[in-house]
C-alpha atoms as a PDB file:
ATOM      1  CA  MET A   1       0.000   0.000   0.000  1.00  0.00           C
ATOM      2  CA  ARG A   2       2.846   2.346   0.875  1.00  0.00           C
ATOM      3  CA  ARG A   3       4.535   1.723  -2.487  1.00  0.00           C
ATOM      4  CA  LEU A   4       1.304   2.455  -4.330  1.00  0.00           C
ATOM      5  CA  LEU A   5       0.860   5.787  -2.524  1.00  0.00           C
ATOM      6  CA  HIS A   6       4.511   6.637  -3.187  1.00  0.00           C
ATOM      7  CA  ALA A   7       4.097   5.851  -6.906  1.00  0.00           C
ATOM      8  CA  LEU A   8       0.885   7.893  -7.123  1.00  0.00           C
ATOM      9  CA  LEU A   9       2.491  10.864  -5.373  1.00  0.00           C
ATOM     10  CA  LEU A  10       5.525  10.764  -7.676  1.00  0.00           C
ATOM     11  CA  GLY A  11       3.217  10.500 -10.689  1.00  0.00           C
ATOM     12  CA  LEU A  12       1.194  13.530  -9.614  1.00  0.00           C
ATOM     13  CA  ILE A  13       4.316  15.595  -8.944  1.00  0.00           C
ATOM     14  CA  GLY A  14       5.806  14.587 -12.298  1.00  0.00           C
ATOM     15  CA  ALA A  15       2.572  15.424 -14.125  1.00  0.00           C
ATOM     16  CA  GLY A  16       2.422  18.810 -12.384  1.00  0.00           C
ATOM     17  CA  ILE A  17       6.003  19.640 -13.395  1.00  0.00           C
ATOM     18  CA  ALA A  18       5.349  18.544 -16.985  1.00  0.00           C
ATOM     19  CA  HIS A  19       2.240  20.740 -17.209  1.00  0.00           C
ATOM     20  CA  ILE A  20       4.068  23.776 -15.818  1.00  0.00           C
ATOM     21  CA  VAL A  21       6.935  23.310 -18.284  1.00  0.00           C
ATOM     22  CA  VAL A  22       4.524  23.004 -21.209  1.00  0.00           C
ATOM     23  CA  LEU A  23       2.669  26.163 -20.172  1.00  0.00           C
ATOM     24  CA  LEU A  24       5.912  28.119 -19.885  1.00  0.00           C
ATOM     25  CA  LEU A  25       7.145  26.914 -23.286  1.00  0.00           C
ATOM     26  CA  VAL A  26       3.930  27.667 -25.229  1.00  0.00           C
ATOM     27  CA  PRO A  27       4.971  31.258 -26.136  1.00  0.00           C
ATOM     28  CA  ASN A  28       8.281  29.974 -27.553  1.00  0.00           C
ATOM     29  CA  PHE A  29       6.538  27.548 -29.900  1.00  0.00           C
ATOM     30  CA  SER A  30       3.500  29.627 -30.800  1.00  0.00           C
ATOM     31  CA  GLU A  31       3.116  30.465 -34.466  1.00  0.00           C
ATOM     32  CA  ARG A  32       0.536  33.158 -33.786  1.00  0.00           C
ATOM     33  CA  ASP A  33       2.610  35.562 -31.717  1.00  0.00           C
ATOM     34  CA  ALA A  34       2.646  39.307 -32.407  1.00  0.00           C
ATOM     35  CA  TRP A  35       5.735  39.075 -34.630  1.00  0.00           C
ATOM     36  CA  SER A  36       4.266  36.413 -36.932  1.00  0.00           C
ATOM     37  CA  ARG A  37       0.854  38.100 -37.079  1.00  0.00           C
ATOM     38  CA  LEU A  38       2.486  41.394 -38.099  1.00  0.00           C
ATOM     39  CA  ALA A  39       4.667  39.540 -40.612  1.00  0.00           C
ATOM     40  CA  MET A  40       1.548  38.063 -42.231  1.00  0.00           C
ATOM     41  CA  ALA A  41      -0.082  41.509 -42.433  1.00  0.00           C
ATOM     42  CA  ALA A  42       2.874  43.471 -43.878  1.00  0.00           C
ATOM     43  CA  GLY A  43       6.588  43.422 -44.531  1.00  0.00           C
ATOM     44  CA  PRO A  44       9.244  45.099 -42.417  1.00  0.00           C
ATOM     45  CA  ASN A  45       9.142  48.895 -42.050  1.00  0.00           C
ATOM     46  CA  LYS A  46       5.452  49.031 -42.949  1.00  0.00           C
ATOM     47  CA  ILE A  47       2.889  50.545 -40.611  1.00  0.00           C
ATOM     48  CA  VAL A  48       0.046  48.174 -39.725  1.00  0.00           C
ATOM     49  CA  ARG A  49      -3.070  49.432 -37.983  1.00  0.00           C
ATOM     50  CA  LEU A  50      -3.780  47.053 -35.116  1.00  0.00           C
ATOM     51  CA  ASP A  51      -7.376  48.190 -34.672  1.00  0.00           C
ATOM     52  CA  LYS A  52      -8.345  47.494 -38.298  1.00  0.00           C
ATOM     53  CA  GLU A  53      -9.851  44.162 -39.233  1.00  0.00           C
ATOM     54  CA  ILE A  54      -7.861  41.721 -41.319  1.00  0.00           C
ATOM     55  CA  ASP A  55      -9.756  38.632 -42.500  1.00  0.00           C
ATOM     56  CA  GLY A  56     -12.744  39.562 -40.341  1.00  0.00           C
ATOM     57  CA  ALA A  57     -10.910  40.076 -37.037  1.00  0.00           C
ATOM     58  CA  PRO A  58      -8.647  42.777 -35.622  1.00  0.00           C
ATOM     59  CA  LEU A  59      -4.940  41.964 -35.805  1.00  0.00           C
ATOM     60  CA  VAL A  60      -4.619  42.525 -32.061  1.00  0.00           C
ATOM     61  CA  LYS A  61      -7.650  43.052 -29.872  1.00  0.00           C
ATOM     62  CA  SER A  62      -7.288  46.360 -28.041  1.00  0.00           C
ATOM     63  CA  LEU A  63      -7.946  46.360 -24.335  1.00  0.00           C
ATOM     64  CA  ASP A  64      -9.027  50.006 -24.351  1.00  0.00           C
ATOM     65  CA  PRO A  65     -11.436  51.292 -27.039  1.00  0.00           C
ATOM     66  CA  SER A  66     -10.232  54.869 -26.337  1.00  0.00           C
ATOM     67  CA  PHE A  67      -6.889  54.097 -28.002  1.00  0.00           C
ATOM     68  CA  TYR A  68      -6.076  53.323 -31.623  1.00  0.00           C
ATOM     69  CA  ASP A  69      -2.839  51.478 -32.321  1.00  0.00           C
ATOM     70  CA  ALA A  70      -0.361  51.015 -35.139  1.00  0.00           C
ATOM     71  CA  ALA A  71       2.766  48.860 -35.287  1.00  0.00           C
ATOM     72  CA  CYS A  72       5.854  48.517 -37.430  1.00  0.00           C
ATOM     73  CA  ARG A  73       8.348  45.635 -37.512  1.00  0.00           C
ATOM     74  CA  PHE A  74      11.948  46.709 -38.037  1.00  0.00           C
ATOM     75  CA  ASP A  75      15.344  45.185 -38.739  1.00  0.00           C
ATOM     76  CA  LEU A  76      18.337  47.304 -37.705  1.00  0.00           C
ATOM     77  CA  THR A  77      20.807  45.254 -39.748  1.00  0.00           C
ATOM     78  CA  GLU A  78      19.597  47.284 -42.753  1.00  0.00           C
ATOM     79  CA  GLY A  79      20.254  50.623 -41.010  1.00  0.00           C
ATOM     80  CA  VAL A  80      18.680  52.893 -38.411  1.00  0.00           C
ATOM     81  CA  VAL A  81      14.887  53.174 -38.423  1.00  0.00           C
ATOM     82  CA  ARG A  82      13.124  56.515 -38.133  1.00  0.00           C
ATOM     83  CA  ILE A  83       9.500  56.754 -37.038  1.00  0.00           C
ATOM     84  CA  ASP A  84       7.884  60.148 -37.515  1.00  0.00           C
ATOM     85  CA  ASN A  85       4.703  62.076 -38.199  1.00  0.00           C
ATOM     86  CA  ALA A  86       4.167  65.843 -38.114  1.00  0.00           C
ATOM     87  CA  GLY A  87       0.490  65.680 -37.108  1.00  0.00           C
ATOM     88  CA  LYS A  88      -0.970  66.639 -33.752  1.00  0.00           C
ATOM     89  CA  VAL A  89      -3.255  64.483 -31.638  1.00  0.00           C
ATOM     90  CA  PRO A  90      -4.412  64.782 -28.008  1.00  0.00           C
ATOM     91  CA  TYR A  91      -1.978  62.139 -26.740  1.00  0.00           C
ATOM     92  CA  TRP A  92       0.330  59.504 -28.208  1.00  0.00           C
ATOM     93  CA  SER A  93       2.706  56.974 -26.730  1.00  0.00           C
ATOM     94  CA  ALA A  94       5.342  54.842 -28.405  1.00  0.00           C
ATOM     95  CA  SER A  95       6.931  51.592 -27.268  1.00  0.00           C
ATOM     96  CA  VAL A  96       9.755  49.501 -28.680  1.00  0.00           C
ATOM     97  CA  TYR A  97       9.526  45.739 -28.156  1.00  0.00           C
ATOM     98  CA  ASP A  98      11.951  42.959 -28.975  1.00  0.00           C
ATOM     99  CA  ARG A  99      10.885  40.073 -31.176  1.00  0.00           C
ATOM    100  CA  SER A 100       9.530  38.081 -28.237  1.00  0.00           C
ATOM    101  CA  GLY A 101       7.384  40.981 -26.964  1.00  0.00           C
ATOM    102  CA  GLN A 102       9.565  42.287 -24.130  1.00  0.00           C
ATOM    103  CA  ASN A 103       9.312  46.065 -23.742  1.00  0.00           C
ATOM    104  CA  ILE A 104      12.674  47.743 -24.420  1.00  0.00           C
ATOM    105  CA  TYR A 105      11.720  51.430 -24.322  1.00  0.00           C
ATOM    106  CA  SER A 106       8.569  53.541 -23.886  1.00  0.00           C
ATOM    107  CA  PHE A 107       7.803  57.252 -24.024  1.00  0.00           C
ATOM    108  CA  ASN A 108       4.967  59.611 -24.920  1.00  0.00           C
ATOM    109  CA  ASP A 109       4.214  63.008 -26.439  1.00  0.00           C
ATOM    110  CA  ARG A 110       5.545  64.782 -23.340  1.00  0.00           C
ATOM    111  CA  THR A 111       9.102  63.543 -24.044  1.00  0.00           C
ATOM    112  CA  PRO A 112      10.000  65.586 -27.172  1.00  0.00           C
ATOM    113  CA  PRO A 113      10.105  69.363 -26.691  1.00  0.00           C
ATOM    114  CA  ASP A 114       7.648  70.033 -29.538  1.00  0.00           C
ATOM    115  CA  GLY A 115       5.387  67.017 -28.847  1.00  0.00           C
ATOM    116  CA  ASN A 116       5.903  65.620 -32.351  1.00  0.00           C
ATOM    117  CA  LEU A 117       6.321  61.921 -33.042  1.00  0.00           C
ATOM    118  CA  ASP A 118       9.924  61.736 -34.269  1.00  0.00           C
ATOM    119  CA  PHE A 119      12.347  59.116 -33.040  1.00  0.00           C
ATOM    120  CA  VAL A 120      15.151  56.934 -34.327  1.00  0.00           C
ATOM    121  CA  VAL A 121      15.690  53.318 -33.246  1.00  0.00           C
ATOM    122  CA  LEU A 122      19.300  52.151 -33.481  1.00  0.00           C
ATOM    123  CA  THR A 123      21.931  49.898 -31.919  1.00  0.00           C
ATOM    124  CA  PRO A 124      24.766  51.272 -29.744  1.00  0.00           C
ATOM    125  CA  ALA A 125      27.255  50.789 -32.626  1.00  0.00           C
ATOM    126  CA  GLN A 126      24.962  52.680 -35.017  1.00  0.00           C
ATOM    127  CA  MET A 127      24.616  55.444 -32.424  1.00  0.00           C
ATOM    128  CA  ILE A 128      28.393  55.921 -32.294  1.00  0.00           C
ATOM    129  CA  GLU A 129      28.576  56.160 -36.085  1.00  0.00           C
ATOM    130  CA  LEU A 130      25.586  58.497 -36.319  1.00  0.00           C
ATOM    131  CA  ARG A 131      26.979  60.891 -33.686  1.00  0.00           C
ATOM    132  CA  LYS A 132      30.123  61.389 -35.781  1.00  0.00           C
ATOM    133  CA  ASP A 133      28.100  63.175 -38.462  1.00  0.00           C
ATOM    134  CA  LEU A 134      24.516  63.826 -37.302  1.00  0.00           C
ATOM    135  CA  PRO A 135      22.148  64.446 -40.242  1.00  0.00           C
ATOM    136  CA  THR A 136      20.155  67.678 -39.975  1.00  0.00           C
ATOM    137  CA  GLU A 137      16.825  65.803 -40.181  1.00  0.00           C
ATOM    138  CA  PHE A 138      17.705  64.046 -36.896  1.00  0.00           C
ATOM    139  CA  GLU A 139      18.361  67.227 -34.895  1.00  0.00           C
ATOM    140  CA  LYS A 140      14.982  67.113 -33.094  1.00  0.00           C
ATOM    141  CA  SER A 141      14.661  63.319 -33.026  1.00  0.00           C
ATOM    142  CA  ILE A 142      14.682  61.190 -29.908  1.00  0.00           C
ATOM    143  CA  PHE A 143      17.257  58.398 -30.098  1.00  0.00           C
ATOM    144  CA  VAL A 144      16.219  54.982 -28.817  1.00  0.00           C
ATOM    145  CA  GLU A 145      19.310  52.840 -28.364  1.00  0.00           C
ATOM    146  CA  THR A 146      18.416  49.139 -28.303  1.00  0.00           C
ATOM    147  CA  PRO A 147      20.457  45.986 -27.730  1.00  0.00           C
ATOM    148  CA  ILE A 148      18.373  44.180 -30.383  1.00  0.00           C
ATOM    149  CA  ASP A 149      18.488  43.978 -34.176  1.00  0.00           C
ATOM    150  CA  GLU A 150      14.825  43.113 -34.781  1.00  0.00           C
ATOM    151  CA  GLY A 151      11.787  44.458 -33.019  1.00  0.00           C
ATOM    152  CA  ILE A 152       8.388  46.079 -33.125  1.00  0.00           C
ATOM    153  CA  VAL A 153       7.425  49.710 -32.600  1.00  0.00           C
ATOM    154  CA  VAL A 154       3.878  50.294 -31.350  1.00  0.00           C
ATOM    155  CA  VAL A 155       2.292  53.766 -31.413  1.00  0.00           C
ATOM    156  CA  ARG A 156      -0.902  54.264 -29.420  1.00  0.00           C
ATOM    157  CA  VAL A 157      -3.089  57.348 -29.806  1.00  0.00           C
ATOM    158  CA  PHE A 158      -5.847  58.499 -27.456  1.00  0.00           C
ATOM    159  CA  VAL A 159      -9.266  59.200 -28.985  1.00  0.00           C
ATOM    160  CA  PRO A 160     -11.159  61.455 -26.527  1.00  0.00           C
ATOM    161  CA  ASP A 161     -14.446  61.301 -28.462  1.00  0.00           C
ATOM    162  CA  ASP A 162     -15.876  60.396 -31.872  1.00  0.00           C
ATOM    163  CA  SER A 163     -15.053  63.802 -33.353  1.00  0.00           C
ATOM    164  CA  TRP A 164     -11.324  62.972 -33.032  1.00  0.00           C
ATOM    165  CA  LYS A 165     -11.521  59.622 -34.849  1.00  0.00           C
ATOM    166  CA  PRO A 166     -10.829  60.947 -38.388  1.00  0.00           C
ATOM    167  CA  LYS A 167      -7.860  63.021 -37.217  1.00  0.00           C
ATOM    168  CA  VAL A 168      -6.396  60.133 -35.195  1.00  0.00           C
ATOM    169  CA  GLU A 169      -6.844  57.759 -38.140  1.00  0.00           C
ATOM    170  CA  ARG A 170      -5.042  60.203 -40.461  1.00  0.00           C
ATOM    171  CA  PHE A 171      -2.267  60.530 -37.877  1.00  0.00           C
ATOM    172  CA  LEU A 172      -1.788  56.760 -37.621  1.00  0.00           C
ATOM    173  CA  ASP A 173      -2.023  56.253 -41.377  1.00  0.00           C
ATOM    174  CA  GLY A 174       0.573  59.019 -41.875  1.00  0.00           C
ATOM    175  CA  ILE A 175       3.270  57.537 -39.658  1.00  0.00           C
ATOM    176  CA  ASN A 176       6.517  56.820 -41.477  1.00  0.00           C
ATOM    177  CA  CYS A 177       8.656  53.841 -40.441  1.00  0.00           C
ATOM    178  CA  GLU A 178      11.690  54.003 -42.713  1.00  0.00           C
ATOM    179  CA  VAL A 179      15.238  52.739 -42.802  1.00  0.00           C
ATOM    180  CA  GLN A 180      17.587  55.720 -43.038  1.00  0.00           C
END
Protein backbone atom coordinates (compact mmCIF):
# COMPACT_ATOMS: atom_id res chain seq x y z
CA MET A 1 0.00 0.00 0.00
CA ARG A 2 2.85 2.35 0.87
CA ARG A 3 4.54 1.72 -2.49
CA LEU A 4 1.30 2.46 -4.33
CA LEU A 5 0.86 5.79 -2.52
CA HIS A 6 4.51 6.64 -3.19
CA ALA A 7 4.10 5.85 -6.91
CA LEU A 8 0.88 7.89 -7.12
CA LEU A 9 2.49 10.86 -5.37
CA LEU A 10 5.52 10.76 -7.68
CA GLY A 11 3.22 10.50 -10.69
CA LEU A 12 1.19 13.53 -9.61
CA ILE A 13 4.32 15.59 -8.94
CA GLY A 14 5.81 14.59 -12.30
CA ALA A 15 2.57 15.42 -14.13
CA GLY A 16 2.42 18.81 -12.38
CA ILE A 17 6.00 19.64 -13.39
CA ALA A 18 5.35 18.54 -16.98
CA HIS A 19 2.24 20.74 -17.21
CA ILE A 20 4.07 23.78 -15.82
CA VAL A 21 6.94 23.31 -18.28
CA VAL A 22 4.52 23.00 -21.21
CA LEU A 23 2.67 26.16 -20.17
CA LEU A 24 5.91 28.12 -19.88
CA LEU A 25 7.14 26.91 -23.29
CA VAL A 26 3.93 27.67 -25.23
CA PRO A 27 4.97 31.26 -26.14
CA ASN A 28 8.28 29.97 -27.55
CA PHE A 29 6.54 27.55 -29.90
CA SER A 30 3.50 29.63 -30.80
CA GLU A 31 3.12 30.46 -34.47
CA ARG A 32 0.54 33.16 -33.79
CA ASP A 33 2.61 35.56 -31.72
CA ALA A 34 2.65 39.31 -32.41
CA TRP A 35 5.74 39.08 -34.63
CA SER A 36 4.27 36.41 -36.93
CA ARG A 37 0.85 38.10 -37.08
CA LEU A 38 2.49 41.39 -38.10
CA ALA A 39 4.67 39.54 -40.61
CA MET A 40 1.55 38.06 -42.23
CA ALA A 41 -0.08 41.51 -42.43
CA ALA A 42 2.87 43.47 -43.88
CA GLY A 43 6.59 43.42 -44.53
CA PRO A 44 9.24 45.10 -42.42
CA ASN A 45 9.14 48.90 -42.05
CA LYS A 46 5.45 49.03 -42.95
CA ILE A 47 2.89 50.54 -40.61
CA VAL A 48 0.05 48.17 -39.72
CA ARG A 49 -3.07 49.43 -37.98
CA LEU A 50 -3.78 47.05 -35.12
CA ASP A 51 -7.38 48.19 -34.67
CA LYS A 52 -8.34 47.49 -38.30
CA GLU A 53 -9.85 44.16 -39.23
CA ILE A 54 -7.86 41.72 -41.32
CA ASP A 55 -9.76 38.63 -42.50
CA GLY A 56 -12.74 39.56 -40.34
CA ALA A 57 -10.91 40.08 -37.04
CA PRO A 58 -8.65 42.78 -35.62
CA LEU A 59 -4.94 41.96 -35.81
CA VAL A 60 -4.62 42.53 -32.06
CA LYS A 61 -7.65 43.05 -29.87
CA SER A 62 -7.29 46.36 -28.04
CA LEU A 63 -7.95 46.36 -24.34
CA ASP A 64 -9.03 50.01 -24.35
CA PRO A 65 -11.44 51.29 -27.04
CA SER A 66 -10.23 54.87 -26.34
CA PHE A 67 -6.89 54.10 -28.00
CA TYR A 68 -6.08 53.32 -31.62
CA ASP A 69 -2.84 51.48 -32.32
CA ALA A 70 -0.36 51.01 -35.14
CA ALA A 71 2.77 48.86 -35.29
CA CYS A 72 5.85 48.52 -37.43
CA ARG A 73 8.35 45.64 -37.51
CA PHE A 74 11.95 46.71 -38.04
CA ASP A 75 15.34 45.18 -38.74
CA LEU A 76 18.34 47.30 -37.70
CA THR A 77 20.81 45.25 -39.75
CA GLU A 78 19.60 47.28 -42.75
CA GLY A 79 20.25 50.62 -41.01
CA VAL A 80 18.68 52.89 -38.41
CA VAL A 81 14.89 53.17 -38.42
CA ARG A 82 13.12 56.52 -38.13
CA ILE A 83 9.50 56.75 -37.04
CA ASP A 84 7.88 60.15 -37.52
CA ASN A 85 4.70 62.08 -38.20
CA ALA A 86 4.17 65.84 -38.11
CA GLY A 87 0.49 65.68 -37.11
CA LYS A 88 -0.97 66.64 -33.75
CA VAL A 89 -3.26 64.48 -31.64
CA PRO A 90 -4.41 64.78 -28.01
CA TYR A 91 -1.98 62.14 -26.74
CA TRP A 92 0.33 59.50 -28.21
CA SER A 93 2.71 56.97 -26.73
CA ALA A 94 5.34 54.84 -28.41
CA SER A 95 6.93 51.59 -27.27
CA VAL A 96 9.76 49.50 -28.68
CA TYR A 97 9.53 45.74 -28.16
CA ASP A 98 11.95 42.96 -28.98
CA ARG A 99 10.88 40.07 -31.18
CA SER A 100 9.53 38.08 -28.24
CA GLY A 101 7.38 40.98 -26.96
CA GLN A 102 9.57 42.29 -24.13
CA ASN A 103 9.31 46.06 -23.74
CA ILE A 104 12.67 47.74 -24.42
CA TYR A 105 11.72 51.43 -24.32
CA SER A 106 8.57 53.54 -23.89
CA PHE A 107 7.80 57.25 -24.02
CA ASN A 108 4.97 59.61 -24.92
CA ASP A 109 4.21 63.01 -26.44
CA ARG A 110 5.54 64.78 -23.34
CA THR A 111 9.10 63.54 -24.04
CA PRO A 112 10.00 65.59 -27.17
CA PRO A 113 10.10 69.36 -26.69
CA ASP A 114 7.65 70.03 -29.54
CA GLY A 115 5.39 67.02 -28.85
CA ASN A 116 5.90 65.62 -32.35
CA LEU A 117 6.32 61.92 -33.04
CA ASP A 118 9.92 61.74 -34.27
CA PHE A 119 12.35 59.12 -33.04
CA VAL A 120 15.15 56.93 -34.33
CA VAL A 121 15.69 53.32 -33.25
CA LEU A 122 19.30 52.15 -33.48
CA THR A 123 21.93 49.90 -31.92
CA PRO A 124 24.77 51.27 -29.74
CA ALA A 125 27.26 50.79 -32.63
CA GLN A 126 24.96 52.68 -35.02
CA MET A 127 24.62 55.44 -32.42
CA ILE A 128 28.39 55.92 -32.29
CA GLU A 129 28.58 56.16 -36.08
CA LEU A 130 25.59 58.50 -36.32
CA ARG A 131 26.98 60.89 -33.69
CA LYS A 132 30.12 61.39 -35.78
CA ASP A 133 28.10 63.17 -38.46
CA LEU A 134 24.52 63.83 -37.30
CA PRO A 135 22.15 64.45 -40.24
CA THR A 136 20.16 67.68 -39.97
CA GLU A 137 16.83 65.80 -40.18
CA PHE A 138 17.70 64.05 -36.90
CA GLU A 139 18.36 67.23 -34.89
CA LYS A 140 14.98 67.11 -33.09
CA SER A 141 14.66 63.32 -33.03
CA ILE A 142 14.68 61.19 -29.91
CA PHE A 143 17.26 58.40 -30.10
CA VAL A 144 16.22 54.98 -28.82
CA GLU A 145 19.31 52.84 -28.36
CA THR A 146 18.42 49.14 -28.30
CA PRO A 147 20.46 45.99 -27.73
CA ILE A 148 18.37 44.18 -30.38
CA ASP A 149 18.49 43.98 -34.18
CA GLU A 150 14.82 43.11 -34.78
CA GLY A 151 11.79 44.46 -33.02
CA ILE A 152 8.39 46.08 -33.13
CA VAL A 153 7.43 49.71 -32.60
CA VAL A 154 3.88 50.29 -31.35
CA VAL A 155 2.29 53.77 -31.41
CA ARG A 156 -0.90 54.26 -29.42
CA VAL A 157 -3.09 57.35 -29.81
CA PHE A 158 -5.85 58.50 -27.46
CA VAL A 159 -9.27 59.20 -28.98
CA PRO A 160 -11.16 61.46 -26.53
CA ASP A 161 -14.45 61.30 -28.46
CA ASP A 162 -15.88 60.40 -31.87
CA SER A 163 -15.05 63.80 -33.35
CA TRP A 164 -11.32 62.97 -33.03
CA LYS A 165 -11.52 59.62 -34.85
CA PRO A 166 -10.83 60.95 -38.39
CA LYS A 167 -7.86 63.02 -37.22
CA VAL A 168 -6.40 60.13 -35.20
CA GLU A 169 -6.84 57.76 -38.14
CA ARG A 170 -5.04 60.20 -40.46
CA PHE A 171 -2.27 60.53 -37.88
CA LEU A 172 -1.79 56.76 -37.62
CA ASP A 173 -2.02 56.25 -41.38
CA GLY A 174 0.57 59.02 -41.88
CA ILE A 175 3.27 57.54 -39.66
CA ASN A 176 6.52 56.82 -41.48
CA CYS A 177 8.66 53.84 -40.44
CA GLU A 178 11.69 54.00 -42.71
CA VAL A 179 15.24 52.74 -42.80
CA GLN A 180 17.59 55.72 -43.04
